[in-house]
Amino acid sequence: MLTVDFDRLGLRPGDRVLDLGCGAGRHAFEIYRRGAHVVPLDMDDVELKNVAGTFAAMFEQGEAPSAGDDAASAAPVRGDALRLPFPDATFDRIVASEVMEHIPDDVAGMRELARVLKPGGAIAITVPRFFPELVCWALDTDYHETPGGHVRIYRRSELVERLGRAGLVPFGSHHAHGLHSPYWWLKCAVGVENDQFLPVRLYHGLLVWDIVKRPLATRAAEAVLTPLIGKSLVVYVTKPDQEIRPPVSLRQGDLRPGDVHEPGREQEIRPPVREQEIHP
């Protein structure tokens, strides 16, 4: 299930792409399939190990370009969104899906994204949409009052204004996942942790069926519901072209395709990704 439209983002084979807060890796896997050099970044070691294992399996099964100049690559990295372990102007594209609503100082996080993005590059930011999120908050305080939970609800205008303070310029937006808002309202109505409630289980089965089989009935319902109650808001922004100095740490010019910086050293992004390539 993808929230970001990679065609709108302008993703191309060979791009270096950061997936901030990658979680289980749904966007990172698609970036890899499209022939890019992806760096999934998260704070959760377990998630990163699972993501690395999936990349290794994808490589073995030939699910991404793996030869010559068009070879895709991936290297999960553990890191903090407010202190990204990369030099300035490292990435061509960035995905930050369902991350900003968790960060108390979100503008600082946005400035970090702007810092590591190349001039002329683009970012896809996704957050929960205002109305569906407001309903969830009203139905169950446990939905957001948990460690690491959501700390704010964005209106589109507020999100765009904050991104502007980070020096980023919007060039498009849309909503996604119209079928998912009723599911989360139902979960919040009976207790967000109550996965055994029969209607919740049945609705979850419907969502899985839609994701796996994509039947016409659910695709039509999704198309109707998404503009009205889509669970996610997606905003695309770019960093205006400007003259910048090369990072001091790069003595021989810019990073080569396939290189990723970590404090004190550089590492090559190689497929397949093994568990030991996840750096603490």
C-alpha atoms as a PDB file:
ATOM      1  CA  MET A   1       0.000   0.000   0.000  1.00  0.00           C
ATOM      2  CA  LEU A   2       1.607   3.209  -1.194  1.00  0.00           C
ATOM      3  CA  THR A   3       0.674   6.718  -0.097  1.00  0.00           C
ATOM      4  CA  VAL A   4       3.184   8.606  -2.254  1.00  0.00           C
ATOM      5  CA  ASP A   5       2.758   8.962  -6.025  1.00  0.00           C
ATOM      6  CA  PHE A   6       6.311   8.404  -7.271  1.00  0.00           C
ATOM      7  CA  ASP A   7       5.525   9.791 -10.704  1.00  0.00           C
ATOM      8  CA  ARG A   8       4.527  13.102  -9.108  1.00  0.00           C
ATOM      9  CA  LEU A   9       7.662  12.990  -6.990  1.00  0.00           C
ATOM     10  CA  GLY A  10       9.707  12.597 -10.181  1.00  0.00           C
ATOM     11  CA  LEU A  11      11.565   9.479  -9.049  1.00  0.00           C
ATOM     12  CA  ARG A  12      14.061   8.211 -11.637  1.00  0.00           C
ATOM     13  CA  PRO A  13      16.361   5.185 -11.807  1.00  0.00           C
ATOM     14  CA  GLY A  14      19.696   6.044 -10.239  1.00  0.00           C
ATOM     15  CA  ASP A  15      18.286   8.681  -7.873  1.00  0.00           C
ATOM     16  CA  ARG A  16      19.520   8.695  -4.301  1.00  0.00           C
ATOM     17  CA  VAL A  17      16.454   8.614  -2.076  1.00  0.00           C
ATOM     18  CA  LEU A  18      15.983   8.919   1.680  1.00  0.00           C
ATOM     19  CA  ASP A  19      12.934   7.211   3.199  1.00  0.00           C
ATOM     20  CA  LEU A  20      12.651   8.978   6.550  1.00  0.00           C
ATOM     21  CA  GLY A  21      10.859   6.941   9.225  1.00  0.00           C
ATOM     22  CA  CYS A  22      10.670   3.970   6.881  1.00  0.00           C
ATOM     23  CA  GLY A  23       8.820   1.718   9.337  1.00  0.00           C
ATOM     24  CA  ALA A  24       8.107  -1.643   7.700  1.00  0.00           C
ATOM     25  CA  GLY A  25       9.564  -0.371   4.407  1.00  0.00           C
ATOM     26  CA  ARG A  26       6.537  -0.132   2.104  1.00  0.00           C
ATOM     27  CA  HIS A  27       7.811   2.960   0.239  1.00  0.00           C
ATOM     28  CA  ALA A  28      11.478   1.924   0.374  1.00  0.00           C
ATOM     29  CA  PHE A  29      10.698  -1.365  -1.373  1.00  0.00           C
ATOM     30  CA  GLU A  30       8.931   0.414  -4.239  1.00  0.00           C
ATOM     31  CA  ILE A  31      11.814   2.892  -4.563  1.00  0.00           C
ATOM     32  CA  TYR A  32      14.215  -0.057  -4.815  1.00  0.00           C
ATOM     33  CA  ARG A  33      12.044  -1.765  -7.438  1.00  0.00           C
ATOM     34  CA  ARG A  34      12.213   1.413  -9.521  1.00  0.00           C
ATOM     35  CA  GLY A  35      15.990   1.254  -9.725  1.00  0.00           C
ATOM     36  CA  ALA A  36      16.997   3.952  -7.225  1.00  0.00           C
ATOM     37  CA  HIS A  37      19.571   3.965  -4.413  1.00  0.00           C
ATOM     38  CA  VAL A  38      17.393   4.017  -1.317  1.00  0.00           C
ATOM     39  CA  VAL A  39      18.365   4.721   2.285  1.00  0.00           C
ATOM     40  CA  PRO A  40      15.568   3.663   4.655  1.00  0.00           C
ATOM     41  CA  LEU A  41      16.107   5.448   7.984  1.00  0.00           C
ATOM     42  CA  ASP A  42      14.371   4.681  11.263  1.00  0.00           C
ATOM     43  CA  MET A  43      14.996   4.568  15.023  1.00  0.00           C
ATOM     44  CA  ASP A  44      13.582   1.051  15.411  1.00  0.00           C
ATOM     45  CA  ASP A  45      16.270  -1.635  15.158  1.00  0.00           C
ATOM     46  CA  VAL A  46      13.728  -4.449  14.762  1.00  0.00           C
ATOM     47  CA  GLU A  47      12.013  -2.720  11.845  1.00  0.00           C
ATOM     48  CA  LEU A  48      15.367  -2.064  10.183  1.00  0.00           C
ATOM     49  CA  LYS A  49      16.440  -5.698  10.494  1.00  0.00           C
ATOM     50  CA  ASN A  50      13.175  -6.840   8.928  1.00  0.00           C
ATOM     51  CA  VAL A  51      13.523  -4.291   6.132  1.00  0.00           C
ATOM     52  CA  ALA A  52      17.097  -5.427   5.450  1.00  0.00           C
ATOM     53  CA  GLY A  53      15.937  -9.030   5.245  1.00  0.00           C
ATOM     54  CA  THR A  54      13.238  -8.132   2.733  1.00  0.00           C
ATOM     55  CA  PHE A  55      15.736  -6.229   0.574  1.00  0.00           C
ATOM     56  CA  ALA A  56      18.009  -9.271   0.553  1.00  0.00           C
ATOM     57  CA  ALA A  57      15.105 -11.478  -0.548  1.00  0.00           C
ATOM     58  CA  MET A  58      14.107  -8.977  -3.253  1.00  0.00           C
ATOM     59  CA  PHE A  59      17.660  -8.967  -4.572  1.00  0.00           C
ATOM     60  CA  GLU A  60      17.799 -12.756  -4.697  1.00  0.00           C
ATOM     61  CA  GLN A  61      14.461 -12.857  -6.560  1.00  0.00           C
ATOM     62  CA  GLY A  62      15.530 -10.221  -9.069  1.00  0.00           C
ATOM     63  CA  GLU A  63      12.819  -7.720  -8.129  1.00  0.00           C
ATOM     64  CA  ALA A  64      15.021  -4.697  -8.900  1.00  0.00           C
ATOM     65  CA  PRO A  65      17.727  -3.824 -11.448  1.00  0.00           C
ATOM     66  CA  SER A  66      20.932  -5.449 -10.214  1.00  0.00           C
ATOM     67  CA  ALA A  67      23.520  -5.157 -12.975  1.00  0.00           C
ATOM     68  CA  GLY A  68      25.577  -2.417 -14.563  1.00  0.00           C
ATOM     69  CA  ASP A  69      24.972   1.281 -14.224  1.00  0.00           C
ATOM     70  CA  ASP A  70      21.236   0.742 -13.657  1.00  0.00           C
ATOM     71  CA  ALA A  71      21.694  -1.405 -10.522  1.00  0.00           C
ATOM     72  CA  ALA A  72      19.432  -0.441  -7.629  1.00  0.00           C
ATOM     73  CA  SER A  73      20.783  -0.507  -4.098  1.00  0.00           C
ATOM     74  CA  ALA A  74      19.660  -0.151  -0.503  1.00  0.00           C
ATOM     75  CA  ALA A  75      21.233   0.424   2.905  1.00  0.00           C
ATOM     76  CA  PRO A  76      19.054   0.788   6.016  1.00  0.00           C
ATOM     77  CA  VAL A  77      20.432   3.257   8.552  1.00  0.00           C
ATOM     78  CA  ARG A  78      19.475   3.918  12.164  1.00  0.00           C
ATOM     79  CA  GLY A  79      19.172   7.649  12.746  1.00  0.00           C
ATOM     80  CA  ASP A  80      17.391  10.633  14.248  1.00  0.00           C
ATOM     81  CA  ALA A  81      15.165  12.826  12.063  1.00  0.00           C
ATOM     82  CA  LEU A  82      16.477  15.935  13.848  1.00  0.00           C
ATOM     83  CA  ARG A  83      20.147  14.996  13.330  1.00  0.00           C
ATOM     84  CA  LEU A  84      20.373  13.208  10.007  1.00  0.00           C
ATOM     85  CA  PRO A  85      23.763  11.481   9.567  1.00  0.00           C
ATOM     86  CA  PHE A  86      24.323  12.755   6.018  1.00  0.00           C
ATOM     87  CA  PRO A  87      26.150  15.697   4.447  1.00  0.00           C
ATOM     88  CA  ASP A  88      24.312  18.619   2.874  1.00  0.00           C
ATOM     89  CA  ALA A  89      22.759  18.021  -0.548  1.00  0.00           C
ATOM     90  CA  THR A  90      23.016  14.204  -0.463  1.00  0.00           C
ATOM     91  CA  PHE A  91      19.634  13.127  -1.863  1.00  0.00           C
ATOM     92  CA  ASP A  92      17.708  13.684  -5.098  1.00  0.00           C
ATOM     93  CA  ARG A  93      14.364  12.692  -3.570  1.00  0.00           C
ATOM     94  CA  ILE A  94      13.046  12.218  -0.026  1.00  0.00           C
ATOM     95  CA  VAL A  95       9.949  10.477   1.327  1.00  0.00           C
ATOM     96  CA  ALA A  96       8.696  11.346   4.820  1.00  0.00           C
ATOM     97  CA  SER A  97       5.478   9.383   5.225  1.00  0.00           C
ATOM     98  CA  GLU A  98       3.437   9.736   8.441  1.00  0.00           C
ATOM     99  CA  VAL A  99       6.431  11.130  10.358  1.00  0.00           C
ATOM    100  CA  MET A 100       5.983  14.856  11.009  1.00  0.00           C
ATOM    101  CA  GLU A 101       2.943  14.426  13.239  1.00  0.00           C
ATOM    102  CA  HIS A 102       5.200  12.533  15.682  1.00  0.00           C
ATOM    103  CA  ILE A 103       7.926  15.204  15.965  1.00  0.00           C
ATOM    104  CA  PRO A 104       7.431  17.989  18.562  1.00  0.00           C
ATOM    105  CA  ASP A 105       9.780  20.359  16.701  1.00  0.00           C
ATOM    106  CA  ASP A 106       8.540  19.543  13.228  1.00  0.00           C
ATOM    107  CA  VAL A 107      10.027  22.640  11.568  1.00  0.00           C
ATOM    108  CA  ALA A 108      13.481  21.554  12.747  1.00  0.00           C
ATOM    109  CA  GLY A 109      12.839  18.176  11.128  1.00  0.00           C
ATOM    110  CA  MET A 110      11.750  19.868   7.910  1.00  0.00           C
ATOM    111  CA  ARG A 111      14.918  21.988   7.907  1.00  0.00           C
ATOM    112  CA  GLU A 112      17.005  18.833   8.237  1.00  0.00           C
ATOM    113  CA  LEU A 113      15.234  17.377   5.216  1.00  0.00           C
ATOM    114  CA  ALA A 114      15.879  20.585   3.275  1.00  0.00           C
ATOM    115  CA  ARG A 115      19.540  20.453   4.280  1.00  0.00           C
ATOM    116  CA  VAL A 116      20.179  16.943   2.940  1.00  0.00           C
ATOM    117  CA  LEU A 117      18.106  17.492  -0.232  1.00  0.00           C
ATOM    118  CA  LYS A 118      19.911  18.618  -3.368  1.00  0.00           C
ATOM    119  CA  PRO A 119      18.852  21.954  -4.875  1.00  0.00           C
ATOM    120  CA  GLY A 120      16.131  21.171  -7.398  1.00  0.00           C
ATOM    121  CA  GLY A 121      15.275  17.941  -5.578  1.00  0.00           C
ATOM    122  CA  ALA A 122      11.827  17.027  -4.278  1.00  0.00           C
ATOM    123  CA  ILE A 123      10.227  15.709  -1.091  1.00  0.00           C
ATOM    124  CA  ALA A 124       6.915  13.926  -0.522  1.00  0.00           C
ATOM    125  CA  ILE A 125       5.527  14.640   2.953  1.00  0.00           C
ATOM    126  CA  THR A 126       2.473  12.687   4.102  1.00  0.00           C
ATOM    127  CA  VAL A 127       0.502  13.315   7.301  1.00  0.00           C
ATOM    128  CA  PRO A 128      -2.930  12.305   8.587  1.00  0.00           C
ATOM    129  CA  ARG A 129      -5.654  14.482   7.050  1.00  0.00           C
ATOM    130  CA  PHE A 130      -7.277  17.008   9.386  1.00  0.00           C
ATOM    131  CA  PHE A 131     -10.903  15.791   9.588  1.00  0.00           C
ATOM    132  CA  PRO A 132     -10.327  12.011   9.734  1.00  0.00           C
ATOM    133  CA  GLU A 133      -7.618  12.580  12.337  1.00  0.00           C
ATOM    134  CA  LEU A 134      -9.835  14.892  14.388  1.00  0.00           C
ATOM    135  CA  VAL A 135     -12.503  12.175  14.563  1.00  0.00           C
ATOM    136  CA  CYS A 136      -9.945   9.621  15.763  1.00  0.00           C
ATOM    137  CA  TRP A 137      -8.726  11.971  18.503  1.00  0.00           C
ATOM    138  CA  ALA A 138     -12.314  12.624  19.631  1.00  0.00           C
ATOM    139  CA  LEU A 139     -13.238   8.926  19.759  1.00  0.00           C
ATOM    140  CA  ASP A 140     -10.256   7.554  21.691  1.00  0.00           C
ATOM    141  CA  THR A 141      -7.526   9.409  23.590  1.00  0.00           C
ATOM    142  CA  ASP A 142      -5.367   6.262  23.461  1.00  0.00           C
ATOM    143  CA  TYR A 143      -5.085   6.813  19.705  1.00  0.00           C
ATOM    144  CA  HIS A 144      -2.673   9.701  20.236  1.00  0.00           C
ATOM    145  CA  GLU A 145      -1.808   9.889  23.950  1.00  0.00           C
ATOM    146  CA  THR A 146       0.867   7.225  23.809  1.00  0.00           C
ATOM    147  CA  PRO A 147       4.680   7.485  23.864  1.00  0.00           C
ATOM    148  CA  GLY A 148       5.776   8.446  20.372  1.00  0.00           C
ATOM    149  CA  GLY A 149       2.193   9.108  19.308  1.00  0.00           C
ATOM    150  CA  HIS A 150       0.746  11.943  17.276  1.00  0.00           C
ATOM    151  CA  VAL A 151       1.389  15.372  18.808  1.00  0.00           C
ATOM    152  CA  ARG A 152      -0.581  17.543  16.353  1.00  0.00           C
ATOM    153  CA  ILE A 153      -3.213  17.579  13.624  1.00  0.00           C
ATOM    154  CA  TYR A 154      -2.312  19.460  10.451  1.00  0.00           C
ATOM    155  CA  ARG A 155      -4.438  21.531   8.160  1.00  0.00           C
ATOM    156  CA  ARG A 156      -2.967  21.656   4.679  1.00  0.00           C
ATOM    157  CA  SER A 157      -2.331  25.392   4.949  1.00  0.00           C
ATOM    158  CA  GLU A 158      -0.435  24.926   8.221  1.00  0.00           C
ATOM    159  CA  LEU A 159       1.731  22.139   6.811  1.00  0.00           C
ATOM    160  CA  VAL A 160       2.591  24.194   3.723  1.00  0.00           C
ATOM    161  CA  GLU A 161       3.410  27.248   5.863  1.00  0.00           C
ATOM    162  CA  ARG A 162       5.803  25.237   8.049  1.00  0.00           C
ATOM    163  CA  LEU A 163       7.490  23.686   5.037  1.00  0.00           C
ATOM    164  CA  GLY A 164       7.931  27.193   3.645  1.00  0.00           C
ATOM    165  CA  ARG A 165       9.759  28.243   6.804  1.00  0.00           C
ATOM    166  CA  ALA A 166      12.183  25.416   6.082  1.00  0.00           C
ATOM    167  CA  GLY A 167      12.860  26.889   2.638  1.00  0.00           C
ATOM    168  CA  LEU A 168      10.727  24.387   0.697  1.00  0.00           C
ATOM    169  CA  VAL A 169       8.249  25.294  -2.069  1.00  0.00           C
ATOM    170  CA  PRO A 170       5.067  23.233  -2.699  1.00  0.00           C
ATOM    171  CA  PHE A 171       4.232  22.056  -6.194  1.00  0.00           C
ATOM    172  CA  GLY A 172       1.348  19.647  -5.646  1.00  0.00           C
ATOM    173  CA  SER A 173      -0.835  17.756  -3.181  1.00  0.00           C
ATOM    174  CA  HIS A 174      -3.514  15.088  -3.009  1.00  0.00           C
ATOM    175  CA  HIS A 175      -5.248  12.756  -0.554  1.00  0.00           C
ATOM    176  CA  ALA A 176      -4.981   8.987  -0.202  1.00  0.00           C
ATOM    177  CA  HIS A 177      -6.658   5.962   1.417  1.00  0.00           C
ATOM    178  CA  GLY A 178     -10.373   6.788   1.486  1.00  0.00           C
ATOM    179  CA  LEU A 179     -11.229   3.277   2.672  1.00  0.00           C
ATOM    180  CA  HIS A 180      -8.961   3.565   5.686  1.00  0.00           C
ATOM    181  CA  SER A 181     -10.647   6.406   7.591  1.00  0.00           C
ATOM    182  CA  PRO A 182     -13.799   4.399   8.491  1.00  0.00           C
ATOM    183  CA  TYR A 183     -11.581   1.541   9.625  1.00  0.00           C
ATOM    184  CA  TRP A 184      -9.708   3.779  12.060  1.00  0.00           C
ATOM    185  CA  TRP A 185     -12.927   5.407  13.263  1.00  0.00           C
ATOM    186  CA  LEU A 186     -14.297   1.949  14.010  1.00  0.00           C
ATOM    187  CA  LYS A 187     -11.126   0.949  15.869  1.00  0.00           C
ATOM    188  CA  CYS A 188     -11.164   4.147  17.924  1.00  0.00           C
ATOM    189  CA  ALA A 189     -14.866   3.733  18.729  1.00  0.00           C
ATOM    190  CA  VAL A 190     -14.270   0.320  20.349  1.00  0.00           C
ATOM    191  CA  GLY A 191     -10.743   0.997  21.654  1.00  0.00           C
ATOM    192  CA  VAL A 192      -7.817   1.394  19.299  1.00  0.00           C
ATOM    193  CA  GLU A 193      -6.072  -1.696  20.712  1.00  0.00           C
ATOM    194  CA  ASN A 194      -9.169  -3.902  20.415  1.00  0.00           C
ATOM    195  CA  ASP A 195      -8.274  -5.868  17.280  1.00  0.00           C
ATOM    196  CA  GLN A 196     -10.503  -8.812  18.212  1.00  0.00           C
ATOM    197  CA  PHE A 197     -13.802  -6.934  17.839  1.00  0.00           C
ATOM    198  CA  LEU A 198     -15.558  -8.757  14.975  1.00  0.00           C
ATOM    199  CA  PRO A 199     -16.407  -5.700  12.819  1.00  0.00           C
ATOM    200  CA  VAL A 200     -12.792  -4.532  13.132  1.00  0.00           C
ATOM    201  CA  ARG A 201     -11.529  -7.929  12.013  1.00  0.00           C
ATOM    202  CA  LEU A 202     -13.937  -8.025   9.080  1.00  0.00           C
ATOM    203  CA  TYR A 203     -13.005  -4.517   7.952  1.00  0.00           C
ATOM    204  CA  HIS A 204      -9.313  -5.349   8.229  1.00  0.00           C
ATOM    205  CA  GLY A 205      -9.923  -8.364   5.995  1.00  0.00           C
ATOM    206  CA  LEU A 206     -11.602  -6.070   3.472  1.00  0.00           C
ATOM    207  CA  LEU A 207      -8.563  -3.773   3.423  1.00  0.00           C
ATOM    208  CA  VAL A 208      -6.181  -6.693   2.944  1.00  0.00           C
ATOM    209  CA  TRP A 209      -8.369  -7.994   0.094  1.00  0.00           C
ATOM    210  CA  ASP A 210      -8.299  -4.566  -1.522  1.00  0.00           C
ATOM    211  CA  ILE A 211      -4.514  -4.249  -1.226  1.00  0.00           C
ATOM    212  CA  VAL A 212      -3.778  -7.752  -2.526  1.00  0.00           C
ATOM    213  CA  LYS A 213      -6.487  -8.260  -5.151  1.00  0.00           C
ATOM    214  CA  ARG A 214      -7.511  -4.677  -6.025  1.00  0.00           C
ATOM    215  CA  PRO A 215     -11.068  -5.659  -7.032  1.00  0.00           C
ATOM    216  CA  LEU A 216     -13.136  -3.193  -9.032  1.00  0.00           C
ATOM    217  CA  ALA A 217     -15.682  -2.680  -6.218  1.00  0.00           C
ATOM    218  CA  THR A 218     -13.172  -1.522  -3.618  1.00  0.00           C
ATOM    219  CA  ARG A 219     -11.159   0.477  -6.172  1.00  0.00           C
ATOM    220  CA  ALA A 220     -14.333   2.356  -7.134  1.00  0.00           C
ATOM    221  CA  ALA A 221     -15.187   2.977  -3.475  1.00  0.00           C
ATOM    222  CA  GLU A 222     -11.649   4.219  -2.850  1.00  0.00           C
ATOM    223  CA  ALA A 223     -11.890   6.643  -5.778  1.00  0.00           C
ATOM    224  CA  VAL A 224     -15.146   8.097  -4.432  1.00  0.00           C
ATOM    225  CA  LEU A 225     -14.109   8.279  -0.764  1.00  0.00           C
ATOM    226  CA  THR A 226     -10.540   9.540  -1.068  1.00  0.00           C
ATOM    227  CA  PRO A 227     -11.360  13.151  -2.041  1.00  0.00           C
ATOM    228  CA  LEU A 228     -13.911  13.297   0.792  1.00  0.00           C
ATOM    229  CA  ILE A 229     -12.361  11.425   3.705  1.00  0.00           C
ATOM    230  CA  GLY A 230      -8.960  10.161   2.538  1.00  0.00           C
ATOM    231  CA  LYS A 231      -6.917   9.265   5.624  1.00  0.00           C
ATOM    232  CA  SER A 232      -3.683  10.874   4.404  1.00  0.00           C
ATOM    233  CA  LEU A 233      -2.680  14.242   2.998  1.00  0.00           C
ATOM    234  CA  VAL A 234       0.324  14.200   0.644  1.00  0.00           C
ATOM    235  CA  VAL A 235       2.224  17.414  -0.136  1.00  0.00           C
ATOM    236  CA  TYR A 236       5.073  17.606  -2.658  1.00  0.00           C
ATOM    237  CA  VAL A 237       7.738  20.268  -2.186  1.00  0.00           C
ATOM    238  CA  THR A 238      10.972  21.220  -3.890  1.00  0.00           C
ATOM    239  CA  LYS A 239      14.156  22.946  -2.810  1.00  0.00           C
ATOM    240  CA  PRO A 240      14.843  25.890  -5.114  1.00  0.00           C
ATOM    241  CA  ASP A 241      18.060  25.770  -7.097  1.00  0.00           C
ATOM    242  CA  GLN A 242      20.775  27.780  -5.433  1.00  0.00           C
ATOM    243  CA  GLU A 243      24.535  27.868  -5.268  1.00  0.00           C
ATOM    244  CA  ILE A 244      25.822  25.925  -2.276  1.00  0.00           C
ATOM    245  CA  ARG A 245      29.290  25.009  -1.082  1.00  0.00           C
ATOM    246  CA  PRO A 246      30.284  21.349  -1.180  1.00  0.00           C
ATOM    247  CA  PRO A 247      30.219  19.763   2.284  1.00  0.00           C
ATOM    248  CA  VAL A 248      33.583  20.050   4.045  1.00  0.00           C
ATOM    249  CA  SER A 249      33.572  16.297   4.720  1.00  0.00           C
ATOM    250  CA  LEU A 250      33.645  15.515   0.990  1.00  0.00           C
ATOM    251  CA  ARG A 251      37.250  16.231   0.042  1.00  0.00           C
ATOM    252  CA  GLN A 252      36.996  14.731  -3.444  1.00  0.00           C
ATOM    253  CA  GLY A 253      33.735  16.345  -4.530  1.00  0.00           C
ATOM    254  CA  ASP A 254      30.183  15.145  -4.196  1.00  0.00           C
ATOM    255  CA  LEU A 255      29.164  11.639  -3.167  1.00  0.00           C
ATOM    256  CA  ARG A 256      29.310   9.002  -5.868  1.00  0.00           C
ATOM    257  CA  PRO A 257      26.077   7.171  -6.708  1.00  0.00           C
ATOM    258  CA  GLY A 258      25.801   4.400  -4.167  1.00  0.00           C
ATOM    259  CA  ASP A 259      27.631   6.197  -1.367  1.00  0.00           C
ATOM    260  CA  VAL A 260      26.101   7.070   1.976  1.00  0.00           C
ATOM    261  CA  HIS A 261      27.738   9.111   4.692  1.00  0.00           C
ATOM    262  CA  GLU A 262      27.871   8.186   8.326  1.00  0.00           C
ATOM    263  CA  PRO A 263      29.657  10.293  10.934  1.00  0.00           C
ATOM    264  CA  GLY A 264      33.339   9.461  10.669  1.00  0.00           C
ATOM    265  CA  ARG A 265      33.125   7.285   7.562  1.00  0.00           C
ATOM    266  CA  GLU A 266      31.382   6.643   4.249  1.00  0.00           C
ATOM    267  CA  GLN A 267      29.784   3.384   3.238  1.00  0.00           C
ATOM    268  CA  GLU A 268      28.773   1.972  -0.104  1.00  0.00           C
ATOM    269  CA  ILE A 269      25.122   1.092  -0.639  1.00  0.00           C
ATOM    270  CA  ARG A 270      25.185  -2.437  -1.951  1.00  0.00           C
ATOM    271  CA  PRO A 271      22.524  -4.927  -2.902  1.00  0.00           C
ATOM    272  CA  PRO A 272      21.774  -7.258  -1.288  1.00  0.00           C
ATOM    273  CA  VAL A 273      21.416  -5.680   2.129  1.00  0.00           C
ATOM    274  CA  ARG A 274      22.434  -7.906   4.987  1.00  0.00           C
ATOM    275  CA  GLU A 275      21.511  -7.507   8.619  1.00  0.00           C
ATOM    276  CA  GLN A 276      25.061  -6.516   9.570  1.00  0.00           C
ATOM    277  CA  GLU A 277      24.802  -3.488   7.281  1.00  0.00           C
ATOM    278  CA  ILE A 278      22.400  -1.812   9.668  1.00  0.00           C
ATOM    279  CA  HIS A 279      24.582   0.558  11.614  1.00  0.00           C
ATOM    280  CA  PRO A 280      23.811   1.576  15.185  1.00  0.00           C
END
